Amino acid sequence: MTDTASRPRPITVALVDDYDVVLMGLA
């Protein structure tokens, strides 16, 4: 069984653009 504690945490990413629909698609 994989030890979940040993997995690296996910990268945190902030998205910057003035259009919600653009960023929601990227997300």
PDB file of all heavy atoms in Angstrom:
ATOM      1  N   MET A   1       0.846  -1.193   0.000  1.00  0.00           N
ATOM      2  CA  MET A   1       0.000   0.000   0.000  1.00  0.00           C
ATOM      3  C   MET A   1       0.887   1.251   0.000  1.00  0.00           C
ATOM      4  O   MET A   1       1.898   1.307   0.699  1.00  0.00           O
ATOM      5  CB  MET A   1      -0.907   0.007   1.233  1.00  0.00           C
ATOM      6  CG  MET A   1      -1.814   1.224   1.277  1.00  0.00           C
ATOM      7  SD  MET A   1      -3.154   1.106   2.484  1.00  0.00           S
ATOM      8  CE  MET A   1      -2.444   0.236   3.824  1.00  0.00           C
ATOM      9  N   THR A   2       0.471   2.236  -0.787  1.00  0.00           N
ATOM     10  CA  THR A   2       1.231   3.474  -0.898  1.00  0.00           C
ATOM     11  C   THR A   2       1.088   4.296   0.372  1.00  0.00           C
ATOM     12  O   THR A   2      -0.006   4.464   0.905  1.00  0.00           O
ATOM     13  CB  THR A   2       0.763   4.305  -2.091  1.00  0.00           C
ATOM     14  OG1 THR A   2       0.889   3.517  -3.267  1.00  0.00           O
ATOM     15  CG2 THR A   2       1.603   5.556  -2.241  1.00  0.00           C
ATOM     16  N   ASP A   3       2.182   4.790   0.858  1.00  0.00           N
ATOM     17  CA  ASP A   3       2.172   5.643   2.040  1.00  0.00           C
ATOM     18  C   ASP A   3       1.829   7.066   1.602  1.00  0.00           C
ATOM     19  O   ASP A   3       2.665   7.772   1.049  1.00  0.00           O
ATOM     20  CB  ASP A   3       3.539   5.605   2.718  1.00  0.00           C
ATOM     21  CG  ASP A   3       3.567   6.469   3.973  1.00  0.00           C
ATOM     22  OD1 ASP A   3       2.509   6.999   4.366  1.00  0.00           O
ATOM     23  OD2 ASP A   3       4.665   6.598   4.544  1.00  0.00           O
ATOM     24  N   THR A   4       0.588   7.492   1.848  1.00  0.00           N
ATOM     25  CA  THR A   4       0.151   8.811   1.400  1.00  0.00           C
ATOM     26  C   THR A   4       0.930   9.925   2.075  1.00  0.00           C
ATOM     27  O   THR A   4       1.074  11.016   1.520  1.00  0.00           O
ATOM     28  CB  THR A   4      -1.345   9.007   1.669  1.00  0.00           C
ATOM     29  OG1 THR A   4      -1.599   8.810   3.057  1.00  0.00           O
ATOM     30  CG2 THR A   4      -2.169   8.017   0.857  1.00  0.00           C
ATOM     31  N   ALA A   5       1.467   9.662   3.263  1.00  0.00           N
ATOM     32  CA  ALA A   5       2.216  10.697   3.978  1.00  0.00           C
ATOM     33  C   ALA A   5       3.518  11.034   3.262  1.00  0.00           C
ATOM     34  O   ALA A   5       4.076  12.111   3.446  1.00  0.00           O
ATOM     35  CB  ALA A   5       2.494  10.250   5.411  1.00  0.00           C
ATOM     36  N   SER A   6       4.030  10.064   2.438  1.00  0.00           N
ATOM     37  CA  SER A   6       5.296  10.300   1.753  1.00  0.00           C
ATOM     38  C   SER A   6       5.120  11.024   0.425  1.00  0.00           C
ATOM     39  O   SER A   6       6.100  11.417  -0.198  1.00  0.00           O
ATOM     40  CB  SER A   6       6.009   8.968   1.495  1.00  0.00           C
ATOM     41  OG  SER A   6       5.257   8.169   0.588  1.00  0.00           O
ATOM     42  N   ARG A   7       3.904  11.189  -0.022  1.00  0.00           N
ATOM     43  CA  ARG A   7       3.671  11.873  -1.280  1.00  0.00           C
ATOM     44  C   ARG A   7       3.920  13.372  -1.118  1.00  0.00           C
ATOM     45  O   ARG A   7       3.579  13.960  -0.091  1.00  0.00           O
ATOM     46  CB  ARG A   7       2.223  11.670  -1.743  1.00  0.00           C
ATOM     47  CG  ARG A   7       1.865  10.243  -2.113  1.00  0.00           C
ATOM     48  CD  ARG A   7       0.395  10.164  -2.478  1.00  0.00           C
ATOM     49  NE  ARG A   7      -0.010   8.794  -2.760  1.00  0.00           N
ATOM     50  CZ  ARG A   7      -1.275   8.412  -2.923  1.00  0.00           C
ATOM     51  NH1 ARG A   7      -2.256   9.311  -2.807  1.00  0.00           N
ATOM     52  NH2 ARG A   7      -1.556   7.159  -3.185  1.00  0.00           N
ATOM     53  N   PRO A   8       4.522  14.019  -2.114  1.00  0.00           N
ATOM     54  CA  PRO A   8       4.677  15.476  -2.023  1.00  0.00           C
ATOM     55  C   PRO A   8       3.321  16.152  -2.073  1.00  0.00           C
ATOM     56  O   PRO A   8       2.376  15.670  -2.723  1.00  0.00           O
ATOM     57  CB  PRO A   8       5.514  15.817  -3.269  1.00  0.00           C
ATOM     58  CG  PRO A   8       5.266  14.683  -4.218  1.00  0.00           C
ATOM     59  CD  PRO A   8       5.065  13.464  -3.364  1.00  0.00           C
ATOM     60  N   ARG A   9       3.223  17.265  -1.371  1.00  0.00           N
ATOM     61  CA  ARG A   9       1.950  17.979  -1.395  1.00  0.00           C
ATOM     62  C   ARG A   9       1.724  18.581  -2.777  1.00  0.00           C
ATOM     63  O   ARG A   9       2.677  18.870  -3.506  1.00  0.00           O
ATOM     64  CB  ARG A   9       1.928  19.068  -0.338  1.00  0.00           C
ATOM     65  CG  ARG A   9       2.899  20.222  -0.580  1.00  0.00           C
ATOM     66  CD  ARG A   9       2.623  21.391   0.343  1.00  0.00           C
ATOM     67  NE  ARG A   9       3.565  22.492   0.132  1.00  0.00           N
ATOM     68  CZ  ARG A   9       3.477  23.379  -0.845  1.00  0.00           C
ATOM     69  NH1 ARG A   9       2.489  23.282  -1.732  1.00  0.00           N
ATOM     70  NH2 ARG A   9       4.366  24.347  -0.967  1.00  0.00           N
ATOM     71  N   PRO A  10       0.472  18.808  -3.157  1.00  0.00           N
ATOM     72  CA  PRO A  10       0.201  19.437  -4.454  1.00  0.00           C
ATOM     73  C   PRO A  10       0.768  20.851  -4.515  1.00  0.00           C
ATOM     74  O   PRO A  10       0.853  21.560  -3.507  1.00  0.00           O
ATOM     75  CB  PRO A  10      -1.332  19.462  -4.520  1.00  0.00           C
ATOM     76  CG  PRO A  10      -1.792  18.451  -3.530  1.00  0.00           C
ATOM     77  CD  PRO A  10      -0.758  18.438  -2.454  1.00  0.00           C
ATOM     78  N   ILE A  11       1.166  21.261  -5.698  1.00  0.00           N
ATOM     79  CA  ILE A  11       1.605  22.638  -5.926  1.00  0.00           C
ATOM     80  C   ILE A  11       0.398  23.554  -5.804  1.00  0.00           C
ATOM     81  O   ILE A  11      -0.676  23.259  -6.341  1.00  0.00           O
ATOM     82  CB  ILE A  11       2.206  22.778  -7.334  1.00  0.00           C
ATOM     83  CG1 ILE A  11       3.429  21.879  -7.486  1.00  0.00           C
ATOM     84  CG2 ILE A  11       2.563  24.226  -7.635  1.00  0.00           C
ATOM     85  CD1 ILE A  11       3.881  21.749  -8.923  1.00  0.00           C
ATOM     86  N   THR A  12       0.547  24.663  -5.116  1.00  0.00           N
ATOM     87  CA  THR A  12      -0.535  25.636  -5.046  1.00  0.00           C
ATOM     88  C   THR A  12      -0.359  26.679  -6.149  1.00  0.00           C
ATOM     89  O   THR A  12       0.726  27.220  -6.342  1.00  0.00           O
ATOM     90  CB  THR A  12      -0.569  26.324  -3.672  1.00  0.00           C
ATOM     91  OG1 THR A  12       0.701  26.934  -3.411  1.00  0.00           O
ATOM     92  CG2 THR A  12      -0.909  25.330  -2.575  1.00  0.00           C
ATOM     93  N   VAL A  13      -1.442  26.929  -6.865  1.00  0.00           N
ATOM     94  CA  VAL A  13      -1.408  27.812  -8.034  1.00  0.00           C
ATOM     95  C   VAL A  13      -2.520  28.849  -7.929  1.00  0.00           C
ATOM     96  O   VAL A  13      -3.683  28.503  -7.680  1.00  0.00           O
ATOM     97  CB  VAL A  13      -1.571  27.013  -9.343  1.00  0.00           C
ATOM     98  CG1 VAL A  13      -1.573  27.944 -10.551  1.00  0.00           C
ATOM     99  CG2 VAL A  13      -0.457  25.983  -9.477  1.00  0.00           C
ATOM    100  N   ALA A  14      -2.160  30.106  -8.106  1.00  0.00           N
ATOM    101  CA  ALA A  14      -3.144  31.186  -8.210  1.00  0.00           C
ATOM    102  C   ALA A  14      -3.237  31.600  -9.679  1.00  0.00           C
ATOM    103  O   ALA A  14      -2.218  31.693 -10.368  1.00  0.00           O
ATOM    104  CB  ALA A  14      -2.735  32.383  -7.355  1.00  0.00           C
ATOM    105  N   LEU A  15      -4.455  31.844 -10.144  1.00  0.00           N
ATOM    106  CA  LEU A  15      -4.703  32.199 -11.539  1.00  0.00           C
ATOM    107  C   LEU A  15      -5.061  33.673 -11.638  1.00  0.00           C
ATOM    108  O   LEU A  15      -5.890  34.163 -10.875  1.00  0.00           O
ATOM    109  CB  LEU A  15      -5.838  31.342 -12.110  1.00  0.00           C
ATOM    110  CG  LEU A  15      -5.667  29.829 -11.964  1.00  0.00           C
ATOM    111  CD1 LEU A  15      -6.879  29.109 -12.543  1.00  0.00           C
ATOM    112  CD2 LEU A  15      -4.385  29.352 -12.631  1.00  0.00           C
ATOM    113  N   VAL A  16      -4.438  34.370 -12.582  1.00  0.00           N
ATOM    114  CA  VAL A  16      -4.654  35.807 -12.722  1.00  0.00           C
ATOM    115  C   VAL A  16      -5.077  36.132 -14.151  1.00  0.00           C
ATOM    116  O   VAL A  16      -4.306  35.975 -15.101  1.00  0.00           O
ATOM    117  CB  VAL A  16      -3.380  36.608 -12.363  1.00  0.00           C
ATOM    118  CG1 VAL A  16      -3.629  38.103 -12.543  1.00  0.00           C
ATOM    119  CG2 VAL A  16      -2.943  36.314 -10.935  1.00  0.00           C
ATOM    120  N   ASP A  17      -6.295  36.556 -14.293  1.00  0.00           N
ATOM    121  CA  ASP A  17      -6.844  37.103 -15.533  1.00  0.00           C
ATOM    122  C   ASP A  17      -8.152  37.773 -15.134  1.00  0.00           C
ATOM    123  O   ASP A  17      -8.747  37.424 -14.104  1.00  0.00           O
ATOM    124  CB  ASP A  17      -7.093  36.019 -16.583  1.00  0.00           C
ATOM    125  CG  ASP A  17      -7.577  36.595 -17.915  1.00  0.00           C
ATOM    126  OD1 ASP A  17      -8.797  36.784 -18.093  1.00  0.00           O
ATOM    127  OD2 ASP A  17      -6.732  36.878 -18.776  1.00  0.00           O
ATOM    128  N   ASP A  18      -8.613  38.726 -15.925  1.00  0.00           N
ATOM    129  CA  ASP A  18      -9.795  39.489 -15.540  1.00  0.00           C
ATOM    130  C   ASP A  18     -11.112  38.847 -15.970  1.00  0.00           C
ATOM    131  O   ASP A  18     -12.178  39.396 -15.699  1.00  0.00           O
ATOM    132  CB  ASP A  18      -9.719  40.903 -16.123  1.00  0.00           C
ATOM    133  CG  ASP A  18      -8.632  41.736 -15.454  1.00  0.00           C
ATOM    134  OD1 ASP A  18      -8.193  41.347 -14.359  1.00  0.00           O
ATOM    135  OD2 ASP A  18      -8.234  42.758 -16.029  1.00  0.00           O
ATOM    136  N   TYR A  19     -11.051  37.690 -16.644  1.00  0.00           N
ATOM    137  CA  TYR A  19     -12.262  37.062 -17.176  1.00  0.00           C
ATOM    138  C   TYR A  19     -12.512  35.731 -16.476  1.00  0.00           C
ATOM    139  O   TYR A  19     -11.715  34.799 -16.572  1.00  0.00           O
ATOM    140  CB  TYR A  19     -12.139  36.864 -18.686  1.00  0.00           C
ATOM    141  CG  TYR A  19     -12.193  38.167 -19.450  1.00  0.00           C
ATOM    142  CD1 TYR A  19     -11.068  38.975 -19.559  1.00  0.00           C
ATOM    143  CD2 TYR A  19     -13.383  38.618 -20.025  1.00  0.00           C
ATOM    144  CE1 TYR A  19     -11.105  40.192 -20.231  1.00  0.00           C
ATOM    145  CE2 TYR A  19     -13.440  39.829 -20.705  1.00  0.00           C
ATOM    146  CZ  TYR A  19     -12.303  40.605 -20.802  1.00  0.00           C
ATOM    147  OH  TYR A  19     -12.361  41.817 -21.463  1.00  0.00           O
ATOM    148  N   ASP A  20     -13.639  35.642 -15.767  1.00  0.00           N
ATOM    149  CA  ASP A  20     -13.959  34.435 -15.012  1.00  0.00           C
ATOM    150  C   ASP A  20     -14.001  33.192 -15.892  1.00  0.00           C
ATOM    151  O   ASP A  20     -13.488  32.135 -15.514  1.00  0.00           O
ATOM    152  CB  ASP A  20     -15.316  34.599 -14.318  1.00  0.00           C
ATOM    153  CG  ASP A  20     -15.281  35.596 -13.168  1.00  0.00           C
ATOM    154  OD1 ASP A  20     -14.170  35.970 -12.737  1.00  0.00           O
ATOM    155  OD2 ASP A  20     -16.361  36.003 -12.711  1.00  0.00           O
ATOM    156  N   VAL A  21     -14.630  33.293 -17.061  1.00  0.00           N
ATOM    157  CA  VAL A  21     -14.792  32.112 -17.912  1.00  0.00           C
ATOM    158  C   VAL A  21     -13.443  31.584 -18.364  1.00  0.00           C
ATOM    159  O   VAL A  21     -13.252  30.368 -18.480  1.00  0.00           O
ATOM    160  CB  VAL A  21     -15.700  32.433 -19.129  1.00  0.00           C
ATOM    161  CG1 VAL A  21     -15.069  33.475 -20.049  1.00  0.00           C
ATOM    162  CG2 VAL A  21     -16.032  31.162 -19.904  1.00  0.00           C
ATOM    163  N   VAL A  22     -12.485  32.464 -18.596  1.00  0.00           N
ATOM    164  CA  VAL A  22     -11.141  32.043 -18.998  1.00  0.00           C
ATOM    165  C   VAL A  22     -10.474  31.256 -17.873  1.00  0.00           C
ATOM    166  O   VAL A  22      -9.912  30.173 -18.092  1.00  0.00           O
ATOM    167  CB  VAL A  22     -10.296  33.270 -19.390  1.00  0.00           C
ATOM    168  CG1 VAL A  22      -8.840  32.882 -19.614  1.00  0.00           C
ATOM    169  CG2 VAL A  22     -10.862  33.927 -20.645  1.00  0.00           C
ATOM    170  N   LEU A  23     -10.555  31.775 -16.657  1.00  0.00           N
ATOM    171  CA  LEU A  23      -9.890  31.123 -15.538  1.00  0.00           C
ATOM    172  C   LEU A  23     -10.596  29.844 -15.111  1.00  0.00           C
ATOM    173  O   LEU A  23      -9.942  28.881 -14.698  1.00  0.00           O
ATOM    174  CB  LEU A  23      -9.775  32.089 -14.362  1.00  0.00           C
ATOM    175  CG  LEU A  23      -8.859  33.291 -14.591  1.00  0.00           C
ATOM    176  CD1 LEU A  23      -8.612  34.027 -13.284  1.00  0.00           C
ATOM    177  CD2 LEU A  23      -7.540  32.881 -15.207  1.00  0.00           C
ATOM    178  N   MET A  24     -11.903  29.809 -15.218  1.00  0.00           N
ATOM    179  CA  MET A  24     -12.609  28.580 -14.860  1.00  0.00           C
ATOM    180  C   MET A  24     -12.253  27.451 -15.822  1.00  0.00           C
ATOM    181  O   MET A  24     -12.109  26.295 -15.422  1.00  0.00           O
ATOM    182  CB  MET A  24     -14.120  28.827 -14.855  1.00  0.00           C
ATOM    183  CG  MET A  24     -14.589  29.760 -13.745  1.00  0.00           C
ATOM    184  SD  MET A  24     -14.085  29.229 -12.077  1.00  0.00           S
ATOM    185  CE  MET A  24     -14.990  27.695 -11.936  1.00  0.00           C
ATOM    186  N   GLY A  25     -12.087  27.786 -17.106  1.00  0.00           N
ATOM    187  CA  GLY A  25     -11.657  26.772 -18.055  1.00  0.00           C
ATOM    188  C   GLY A  25     -10.270  26.254 -17.727  1.00  0.00           C
ATOM    189  O   GLY A  25     -10.024  25.040 -17.767  1.00  0.00           O
ATOM    190  N   LEU A  26      -9.356  27.163 -17.387  1.00  0.00           N
ATOM    191  CA  LEU A  26      -8.014  26.756 -17.010  1.00  0.00           C
ATOM    192  C   LEU A  26      -8.041  25.919 -15.735  1.00  0.00           C
ATOM    193  O   LEU A  26      -7.353  24.879 -15.643  1.00  0.00           O
ATOM    194  CB  LEU A  26      -7.141  27.995 -16.830  1.00  0.00           C
ATOM    195  CG  LEU A  26      -5.690  27.775 -16.380  1.00  0.00           C
ATOM    196  CD1 LEU A  26      -4.969  26.816 -17.309  1.00  0.00           C
ATOM    197  CD2 LEU A  26      -4.960  29.111 -16.313  1.00  0.00           C
ATOM    198  N   ALA A  27      -8.827  26.322 -14.768  1.00  0.00           N
ATOM    199  CA  ALA A  27      -8.922  25.563 -13.519  1.00  0.00           C
ATOM    200  C   ALA A  27      -9.434  24.149 -13.769  1.00  0.00           C
ATOM    201  O   ALA A  27      -8.968  23.183 -13.150  1.00  0.00           O
ATOM    202  CB  ALA A  27      -9.832  26.295 -12.536  1.00  0.00           C
TER     203      ALA A  27
END
